[in-house]
């Protein structure tokens, strides 16, 4: 059984569409790699700033917080890096200053009072 011209055209269109999809997938992969590299550079820069402006004890306290509350620790790291880069940190942040900063940045905890009737 021979293929009709319509079948051949349909097969050609399918092949072209598959090639376009593959090309787009390759381009998307390159963009993702570039974004990941940019995230890695930003993370390394943030770690360098933290290492420069935190004492060892303050860094240990922040790492302990990161173990239990990674999202909160990321927020604190961003805040400390922003303060340091804006020049609002004089010297290095010690453990007591880190405790105070953690208290200030900690979200208000809501408590629920449940009563039985």
C-alpha atoms as a PDB file:
ATOM      1  CA  UNK A   1       0.000   0.000   0.000  1.00  0.00           C
ATOM      2  CA  UNK A   2       1.548   3.331  -1.009  1.00  0.00           C
ATOM      3  CA  UNK A   3       1.287   6.520   1.000  1.00  0.00           C
ATOM      4  CA  UNK A   4      -0.750   9.336  -0.406  1.00  0.00           C
ATOM      5  CA  UNK A   5       0.707  12.844  -0.717  1.00  0.00           C
ATOM      6  CA  UNK A   6      -1.397  13.885   2.297  1.00  0.00           C
ATOM      7  CA  UNK A   7       0.124  11.123   4.430  1.00  0.00           C
ATOM      8  CA  UNK A   8       3.626  12.122   3.372  1.00  0.00           C
ATOM      9  CA  UNK A   9       2.916  15.771   4.192  1.00  0.00           C
ATOM     10  CA  UNK A  10       1.434  14.822   7.545  1.00  0.00           C
ATOM     11  CA  UNK A  11       4.518  12.737   8.393  1.00  0.00           C
ATOM     12  CA  UNK A  12       6.780  15.626   7.342  1.00  0.00           C
ATOM     13  CA  UNK A  13       4.851  18.034   9.593  1.00  0.00           C
ATOM     14  CA  UNK A  14       5.139  15.610  12.532  1.00  0.00           C
ATOM     15  CA  UNK A  15       8.902  15.324  12.067  1.00  0.00           C
ATOM     16  CA  UNK A  16       9.277  19.099  11.841  1.00  0.00           C
ATOM     17  CA  UNK A  17       7.184  19.583  14.995  1.00  0.00           C
ATOM     18  CA  UNK A  18       9.261  16.990  16.895  1.00  0.00           C
ATOM     19  CA  UNK A  19      12.453  18.775  15.830  1.00  0.00           C
ATOM     20  CA  UNK A  20      11.069  22.117  17.059  1.00  0.00           C
ATOM     21  CA  UNK A  21      10.173  20.559  20.420  1.00  0.00           C
ATOM     22  CA  UNK A  22      13.665  19.090  20.778  1.00  0.00           C
ATOM     23  CA  UNK A  23      15.277  22.422  19.866  1.00  0.00           C
ATOM     24  CA  UNK A  24      13.185  24.245  22.481  1.00  0.00           C
ATOM     25  CA  UNK A  25      14.061  21.668  25.126  1.00  0.00           C
ATOM     26  CA  UNK A  26      17.777  22.171  24.461  1.00  0.00           C
ATOM     27  CA  UNK A  27      17.442  25.960  24.697  1.00  0.00           C
ATOM     28  CA  UNK A  28      15.478  25.660  27.941  1.00  0.00           C
ATOM     29  CA  UNK A  29      18.205  23.481  29.434  1.00  0.00           C
ATOM     30  CA  UNK A  30      20.866  26.099  28.665  1.00  0.00           C
ATOM     31  CA  UNK A  31      18.759  28.817  30.305  1.00  0.00           C
ATOM     32  CA  UNK A  32      18.247  26.677  33.403  1.00  0.00           C
ATOM     33  CA  UNK A  33      21.996  26.066  33.662  1.00  0.00           C
ATOM     34  CA  UNK A  34      22.672  29.805  33.430  1.00  0.00           C
ATOM     35  CA  UNK A  35      20.084  30.528  36.140  1.00  0.00           C
ATOM     36  CA  UNK A  36      21.559  27.836  38.375  1.00  0.00           C
ATOM     37  CA  UNK A  37      25.062  29.235  37.879  1.00  0.00           C
ATOM     38  CA  UNK A  38      23.808  32.712  38.811  1.00  0.00           C
ATOM     39  CA  UNK A  39      22.134  31.304  41.957  1.00  0.00           C
ATOM     40  CA  UNK A  40      25.361  29.525  42.904  1.00  0.00           C
ATOM     41  CA  UNK A  41      27.388  32.731  42.467  1.00  0.00           C
ATOM     42  CA  UNK A  42      24.907  34.705  44.584  1.00  0.00           C
ATOM     43  CA  UNK A  43      24.984  32.008  47.266  1.00  0.00           C
ATOM     44  CA  UNK A  44      28.796  32.008  47.326  1.00  0.00           C
ATOM     45  CA  UNK A  45      28.869  35.810  47.550  1.00  0.00           C
ATOM     46  CA  UNK A  46      26.365  35.766  50.422  1.00  0.00           C
ATOM     47  CA  UNK A  47      28.413  33.137  52.292  1.00  0.00           C
ATOM     48  CA  UNK A  48      31.563  35.229  51.857  1.00  0.00           C
ATOM     49  CA  UNK A  49      29.828  38.308  53.264  1.00  0.00           C
ATOM     50  CA  UNK A  50      28.502  36.296  56.216  1.00  0.00           C
ATOM     51  CA  UNK A  51      31.916  34.818  56.922  1.00  0.00           C
ATOM     52  CA  UNK A  52      33.423  38.300  56.909  1.00  0.00           C
ATOM     53  CA  UNK A  53      30.826  39.923  59.198  1.00  0.00           C
ATOM     54  CA  UNK A  54      29.907  37.127  61.654  1.00  0.00           C
ATOM     55  CA  UNK A  55      31.984  35.766  64.500  1.00  0.00           C
ATOM     56  CA  UNK A  56      32.390  31.994  64.732  1.00  0.00           C
ATOM     57  CA  UNK A  57      29.871  31.743  67.566  1.00  0.00           C
ATOM     58  CA  UNK A  58      27.290  33.816  65.652  1.00  0.00           C
ATOM     59  CA  UNK A  59      27.798  31.654  62.568  1.00  0.00           C
ATOM     60  CA  UNK A  60      27.345  28.506  64.693  1.00  0.00           C
ATOM     61  CA  UNK A  61      24.112  29.871  66.125  1.00  0.00           C
ATOM     62  CA  UNK A  62      22.827  30.690  62.631  1.00  0.00           C
ATOM     63  CA  UNK A  63      23.752  27.180  61.446  1.00  0.00           C
ATOM     64  CA  UNK A  64      21.855  25.696  64.390  1.00  0.00           C
ATOM     65  CA  UNK A  65      18.787  27.734  63.431  1.00  0.00           C
ATOM     66  CA  UNK A  66      19.207  26.603  59.840  1.00  0.00           C
ATOM     67  CA  UNK A  67      18.981  22.957  60.909  1.00  0.00           C
ATOM     68  CA  UNK A  68      15.568  23.441  62.467  1.00  0.00           C
ATOM     69  CA  UNK A  69      14.137  26.300  60.396  1.00  0.00           C
ATOM     70  CA  UNK A  70      15.848  26.538  56.973  1.00  0.00           C
ATOM     71  CA  UNK A  71      13.428  29.140  55.573  1.00  0.00           C
ATOM     72  CA  UNK A  72      13.834  31.431  58.569  1.00  0.00           C
ATOM     73  CA  UNK A  73      17.629  31.033  58.472  1.00  0.00           C
ATOM     74  CA  UNK A  74      17.665  31.966  54.779  1.00  0.00           C
ATOM     75  CA  UNK A  75      15.689  35.111  55.616  1.00  0.00           C
ATOM     76  CA  UNK A  76      18.148  36.005  58.387  1.00  0.00           C
ATOM     77  CA  UNK A  77      21.135  35.404  56.100  1.00  0.00           C
ATOM     78  CA  UNK A  78      19.655  37.714  53.472  1.00  0.00           C
ATOM     79  CA  UNK A  79      19.009  40.372  56.096  1.00  0.00           C
ATOM     80  CA  UNK A  80      22.540  40.169  57.517  1.00  0.00           C
ATOM     81  CA  UNK A  81      24.075  40.280  54.032  1.00  0.00           C
ATOM     82  CA  UNK A  82      21.934  43.298  53.124  1.00  0.00           C
ATOM     83  CA  UNK A  83      22.928  45.109  56.333  1.00  0.00           C
ATOM     84  CA  UNK A  84      26.595  44.362  55.736  1.00  0.00           C
ATOM     85  CA  UNK A  85      26.542  45.441  52.101  1.00  0.00           C
ATOM     86  CA  UNK A  86      24.750  48.678  52.960  1.00  0.00           C
ATOM     87  CA  UNK A  87      27.453  49.487  55.518  1.00  0.00           C
ATOM     88  CA  UNK A  88      25.163  49.378  58.547  1.00  0.00           C
ATOM     89  CA  UNK A  89      27.255  46.728  60.315  1.00  0.00           C
ATOM     90  CA  UNK A  90      30.181  48.094  62.268  1.00  0.00           C
ATOM     91  CA  UNK A  91      32.716  45.392  63.030  1.00  0.00           C
ATOM     92  CA  UNK A  92      31.506  41.837  63.339  1.00  0.00           C
ATOM     93  CA  UNK A  93      28.202  40.514  64.644  1.00  0.00           C
ATOM     94  CA  UNK A  94      28.754  38.422  67.778  1.00  0.00           C
ATOM     95  CA  UNK A  95      26.508  35.772  69.293  1.00  0.00           C
ATOM     96  CA  UNK A  96      24.542  38.184  71.511  1.00  0.00           C
ATOM     97  CA  UNK A  97      23.845  40.487  68.556  1.00  0.00           C
ATOM     98  CA  UNK A  98      22.807  37.430  66.501  1.00  0.00           C
ATOM     99  CA  UNK A  99      20.373  36.378  69.242  1.00  0.00           C
ATOM    100  CA  UNK A 100      18.842  39.862  69.208  1.00  0.00           C
ATOM    101  CA  UNK A 101      18.599  39.844  65.416  1.00  0.00           C
ATOM    102  CA  UNK A 102      16.915  36.436  65.496  1.00  0.00           C
ATOM    103  CA  UNK A 103      14.396  37.705  68.050  1.00  0.00           C
ATOM    104  CA  UNK A 104      13.612  40.769  65.926  1.00  0.00           C
ATOM    105  CA  UNK A 105      13.159  38.815  62.712  1.00  0.00           C
ATOM    106  CA  UNK A 106      11.184  35.967  64.256  1.00  0.00           C
ATOM    107  CA  UNK A 107       7.588  36.078  63.056  1.00  0.00           C
ATOM    108  CA  UNK A 108       4.941  36.750  65.637  1.00  0.00           C
ATOM    109  CA  UNK A 109       3.707  33.459  66.953  1.00  0.00           C
ATOM    110  CA  UNK A 110      -0.019  33.192  67.095  1.00  0.00           C
ATOM    111  CA  UNK A 111      -1.537  31.088  69.799  1.00  0.00           C
ATOM    112  CA  UNK A 112      -4.934  29.558  69.658  1.00  0.00           C
ATOM    113  CA  UNK A 113      -7.072  29.330  72.742  1.00  0.00           C
ATOM    114  CA  UNK A 114      -9.383  26.368  72.324  1.00  0.00           C
ATOM    115  CA  UNK A 115     -12.194  25.972  74.810  1.00  0.00           C
ATOM    116  CA  UNK A 116     -14.479  23.009  75.070  1.00  0.00           C
ATOM    117  CA  UNK A 117     -18.123  23.614  75.766  1.00  0.00           C
END
